[in-house]
Amino acid sequence: MSDRKGKQIKHLSLRGIEEATRLRRLLDELDAFSLKEFRQSLGLSQEKLAALVKRSVRTVTRWEHKKMQPRITSLRKMIDKILQD
């Protein structure tokens, strides 16, 4: 592998780690704010949020009751929704 490609791969890996860290911090902030309030601020029902992030309503309920934490991919979809509006 060329040195240039190695640097590109390292850069992409670091960007992925940085993004994951930012999203995890957001999750920690959401923990204080309440996912339910966050969802409602977006004007979404549990059903609509579940469909948006391709998860079950039961999973969204578990997030809201802090039985589970959303995965980073689900957080990214929620953030994308915010940025679209």
N, C-alpha and C. Protein backbone atom coordinates (compact mmCIF):
# COMPACT_ATOMS: atom_id res chain seq x y z
N MET A 1 0.84 -1.17 0.00
CA MET A 1 0.00 0.00 0.00
C MET A 1 0.89 1.24 0.00
N SER A 2 0.52 2.21 -0.83
CA SER A 2 1.32 3.42 -0.89
C SER A 2 1.15 4.23 0.39
N ASP A 3 2.13 5.07 0.65
CA ASP A 3 2.09 5.92 1.84
C ASP A 3 0.88 6.86 1.79
N ARG A 4 0.57 7.35 0.60
CA ARG A 4 -0.58 8.27 0.43
C ARG A 4 -1.89 7.57 0.77
N LYS A 5 -2.07 6.35 0.27
CA LYS A 5 -3.29 5.61 0.57
C LYS A 5 -3.39 5.29 2.05
N GLY A 6 -2.27 4.97 2.66
CA GLY A 6 -2.25 4.69 4.09
C GLY A 6 -2.69 5.91 4.89
N LYS A 7 -2.20 7.09 4.48
CA LYS A 7 -2.59 8.33 5.16
C LYS A 7 -4.08 8.61 4.97
N GLN A 8 -4.61 8.35 3.76
CA GLN A 8 -6.04 8.56 3.50
C GLN A 8 -6.89 7.64 4.36
N ILE A 9 -6.48 6.39 4.46
CA ILE A 9 -7.23 5.43 5.28
C ILE A 9 -7.19 5.86 6.74
N LYS A 10 -6.02 6.26 7.22
CA LYS A 10 -5.88 6.70 8.61
C LYS A 10 -6.76 7.92 8.86
N HIS A 11 -6.77 8.86 7.90
CA HIS A 11 -7.59 10.07 8.02
C HIS A 11 -9.08 9.70 8.09
N LEU A 12 -9.52 8.81 7.22
CA LEU A 12 -10.93 8.40 7.23
C LEU A 12 -11.27 7.68 8.53
N SER A 13 -10.36 6.87 9.03
CA SER A 13 -10.60 6.17 10.29
C SER A 13 -10.72 7.15 11.44
N LEU A 14 -9.83 8.14 11.47
CA LEU A 14 -9.89 9.15 12.52
C LEU A 14 -11.17 9.96 12.44
N ARG A 15 -11.59 10.30 11.22
CA ARG A 15 -12.86 11.03 11.06
C ARG A 15 -14.02 10.21 11.58
N GLY A 16 -14.01 8.91 11.32
CA GLY A 16 -15.07 8.04 11.81
C GLY A 16 -15.08 7.97 13.33
N ILE A 17 -13.91 7.91 13.91
CA ILE A 17 -13.81 7.88 15.37
C ILE A 17 -14.28 9.21 15.96
N GLU A 18 -13.88 10.31 15.33
CA GLU A 18 -14.31 11.63 15.82
C GLU A 18 -15.82 11.78 15.72
N GLU A 19 -16.40 11.32 14.62
CA GLU A 19 -17.85 11.40 14.47
C GLU A 19 -18.55 10.53 15.52
N ALA A 20 -18.04 9.35 15.72
CA ALA A 20 -18.64 8.46 16.72
C ALA A 20 -18.56 9.09 18.11
N THR A 21 -17.44 9.74 18.40
CA THR A 21 -17.28 10.41 19.70
C THR A 21 -18.27 11.55 19.85
N ARG A 22 -18.43 12.35 18.79
CA ARG A 22 -19.41 13.46 18.83
C ARG A 22 -20.82 12.92 19.02
N LEU A 23 -21.17 11.87 18.31
CA LEU A 23 -22.51 11.30 18.44
C LEU A 23 -22.72 10.69 19.82
N ARG A 24 -21.69 10.09 20.38
CA ARG A 24 -21.82 9.52 21.73
C ARG A 24 -22.00 10.64 22.75
N ARG A 25 -21.31 11.77 22.55
CA ARG A 25 -21.53 12.92 23.45
C ARG A 25 -22.95 13.43 23.33
N LEU A 26 -23.47 13.46 22.11
CA LEU A 26 -24.85 13.86 21.91
C LEU A 26 -25.78 12.92 22.66
N LEU A 27 -25.49 11.64 22.61
CA LEU A 27 -26.31 10.67 23.33
C LEU A 27 -26.28 10.96 24.82
N ASP A 28 -25.11 11.30 25.35
CA ASP A 28 -25.02 11.63 26.77
C ASP A 28 -25.85 12.87 27.09
N GLU A 29 -25.82 13.86 26.18
CA GLU A 29 -26.63 15.06 26.39
C GLU A 29 -28.11 14.73 26.30
N LEU A 30 -28.47 13.86 25.37
CA LEU A 30 -29.87 13.45 25.25
C LEU A 30 -30.34 12.74 26.51
N ASP A 31 -29.42 12.04 27.15
CA ASP A 31 -29.77 11.34 28.37
C ASP A 31 -30.29 12.34 29.41
N ALA A 32 -29.66 13.50 29.47
CA ALA A 32 -30.10 14.53 30.41
C ALA A 32 -31.38 15.21 29.92
N PHE A 33 -31.53 15.32 28.61
CA PHE A 33 -32.65 16.05 28.03
C PHE A 33 -33.90 15.21 27.91
N SER A 34 -33.77 13.94 27.76
CA SER A 34 -34.87 13.00 27.57
C SER A 34 -35.16 12.82 26.08
N LEU A 35 -35.00 11.61 25.65
CA LEU A 35 -35.25 11.29 24.25
C LEU A 35 -36.70 11.57 23.88
N LYS A 36 -37.60 11.37 24.81
CA LYS A 36 -39.01 11.63 24.53
C LYS A 36 -39.22 13.11 24.20
N GLU A 37 -38.64 13.99 25.00
CA GLU A 37 -38.75 15.43 24.73
C GLU A 37 -38.10 15.77 23.40
N PHE A 38 -36.97 15.16 23.13
CA PHE A 38 -36.27 15.38 21.87
C PHE A 38 -37.15 14.97 20.69
N ARG A 39 -37.72 13.79 20.78
CA ARG A 39 -38.61 13.29 19.72
C ARG A 39 -39.79 14.23 19.53
N GLN A 40 -40.38 14.64 20.63
CA GLN A 40 -41.54 15.54 20.55
C GLN A 40 -41.15 16.90 19.97
N SER A 41 -39.94 17.37 20.27
CA SER A 41 -39.49 18.65 19.72
C SER A 41 -39.34 18.58 18.20
N LEU A 42 -39.13 17.36 17.69
CA LEU A 42 -39.05 17.16 16.24
C LEU A 42 -40.44 17.00 15.62
N GLY A 43 -41.45 16.92 16.50
CA GLY A 43 -42.82 16.73 16.01
C GLY A 43 -43.09 15.32 15.53
N LEU A 44 -42.40 14.35 16.13
CA LEU A 44 -42.53 12.96 15.69
C LEU A 44 -43.23 12.12 16.75
N SER A 45 -44.08 11.23 16.30
CA SER A 45 -44.65 10.21 17.19
C SER A 45 -43.60 9.11 17.34
N GLN A 46 -43.82 8.22 18.29
CA GLN A 46 -42.91 7.07 18.42
C GLN A 46 -42.91 6.26 17.13
N GLU A 47 -44.07 6.11 16.54
CA GLU A 47 -44.18 5.32 15.30
C GLU A 47 -43.37 5.96 14.17
N LYS A 48 -43.47 7.29 14.04
CA LYS A 48 -42.73 7.96 12.96
C LYS A 48 -41.23 7.91 13.20
N LEU A 49 -40.81 8.10 14.46
CA LEU A 49 -39.38 8.01 14.75
C LEU A 49 -38.88 6.60 14.48
N ALA A 50 -39.64 5.61 14.89
CA ALA A 50 -39.26 4.21 14.65
C ALA A 50 -39.08 3.95 13.16
N ALA A 51 -40.02 4.45 12.36
CA ALA A 51 -39.92 4.26 10.91
C ALA A 51 -38.71 5.00 10.35
N LEU A 52 -38.45 6.20 10.85
CA LEU A 52 -37.33 7.02 10.38
C LEU A 52 -35.99 6.33 10.60
N VAL A 53 -35.83 5.73 11.77
CA VAL A 53 -34.55 5.09 12.09
C VAL A 53 -34.56 3.58 11.85
N LYS A 54 -35.66 3.11 11.28
CA LYS A 54 -35.81 1.69 10.93
C LYS A 54 -35.63 0.78 12.15
N ARG A 55 -36.34 1.14 13.20
CA ARG A 55 -36.38 0.35 14.42
C ARG A 55 -37.83 0.15 14.80
N SER A 56 -38.10 -0.71 15.74
CA SER A 56 -39.48 -0.97 16.17
C SER A 56 -39.92 0.11 17.16
N VAL A 57 -41.23 0.26 17.28
CA VAL A 57 -41.78 1.17 18.28
C VAL A 57 -41.33 0.72 19.68
N ARG A 58 -41.27 -0.57 19.88
CA ARG A 58 -40.82 -1.10 21.16
C ARG A 58 -39.40 -0.63 21.49
N THR A 59 -38.54 -0.60 20.49
CA THR A 59 -37.17 -0.13 20.70
C THR A 59 -37.16 1.34 21.08
N VAL A 60 -37.95 2.16 20.39
CA VAL A 60 -38.03 3.58 20.72
C VAL A 60 -38.53 3.75 22.15
N THR A 61 -39.52 2.97 22.53
CA THR A 61 -40.04 3.02 23.90
C THR A 61 -38.94 2.68 24.90
N ARG A 62 -38.14 1.68 24.58
CA ARG A 62 -37.04 1.29 25.47
C ARG A 62 -36.01 2.41 25.59
N TRP A 63 -35.74 3.10 24.47
CA TRP A 63 -34.83 4.25 24.53
C TRP A 63 -35.38 5.31 25.47
N GLU A 64 -36.67 5.59 25.33
CA GLU A 64 -37.28 6.66 26.11
C GLU A 64 -37.35 6.32 27.60
N HIS A 65 -37.42 5.04 27.91
CA HIS A 65 -37.44 4.63 29.31
C HIS A 65 -36.04 4.25 29.82
N LYS A 66 -35.05 4.55 28.98
CA LYS A 66 -33.63 4.33 29.32
C LYS A 66 -33.30 2.88 29.63
N LYS A 67 -34.02 1.98 28.97
CA LYS A 67 -33.73 0.55 29.09
C LYS A 67 -32.62 0.17 28.10
N MET A 68 -32.51 0.98 27.03
CA MET A 68 -31.51 0.78 25.98
C MET A 68 -31.03 2.15 25.52
N GLN A 69 -29.87 2.18 24.85
CA GLN A 69 -29.40 3.41 24.22
C GLN A 69 -29.42 3.22 22.71
N PRO A 70 -29.78 4.29 21.98
CA PRO A 70 -29.77 4.18 20.52
C PRO A 70 -28.35 3.95 20.00
N ARG A 71 -28.25 3.24 18.91
CA ARG A 71 -26.96 3.05 18.25
C ARG A 71 -26.59 4.32 17.52
N ILE A 72 -25.34 4.43 17.21
CA ILE A 72 -24.85 5.63 16.52
C ILE A 72 -25.55 5.82 15.19
N THR A 73 -25.85 4.74 14.46
CA THR A 73 -26.53 4.88 13.18
C THR A 73 -27.92 5.49 13.37
N SER A 74 -28.60 5.11 14.43
CA SER A 74 -29.92 5.68 14.71
C SER A 74 -29.81 7.15 15.08
N LEU A 75 -28.80 7.48 15.87
CA LEU A 75 -28.58 8.89 16.22
C LEU A 75 -28.30 9.72 14.98
N ARG A 76 -27.50 9.16 14.08
CA ARG A 76 -27.17 9.89 12.85
C ARG A 76 -28.45 10.17 12.05
N LYS A 77 -29.35 9.22 11.98
CA LYS A 77 -30.60 9.43 11.25
C LYS A 77 -31.45 10.50 11.92
N MET A 78 -31.46 10.52 13.26
CA MET A 78 -32.21 11.56 13.97
C MET A 78 -31.61 12.93 13.68
N ILE A 79 -30.28 13.01 13.68
CA ILE A 79 -29.61 14.28 13.40
C ILE A 79 -29.89 14.72 11.98
N ASP A 80 -29.85 13.79 11.04
CA ASP A 80 -30.17 14.12 9.65
C ASP A 80 -31.58 14.70 9.55
N LYS A 81 -32.50 14.17 10.31
CA LYS A 81 -33.89 14.66 10.32
C LYS A 81 -33.91 16.11 10.80
N ILE A 82 -33.15 16.40 11.85
CA ILE A 82 -33.11 17.77 12.38
C ILE A 82 -32.55 18.71 11.32
N LEU A 83 -31.48 18.31 10.67
CA LEU A 83 -30.83 19.16 9.68
C LEU A 83 -31.71 19.40 8.45
N GLN A 84 -32.57 18.47 8.14
CA GLN A 84 -33.47 18.62 7.00
C GLN A 84 -34.55 19.66 7.26
N ASP A 85 -34.98 19.76 8.51
CA ASP A 85 -36.08 20.67 8.86
C ASP A 85 -35.64 22.08 9.10
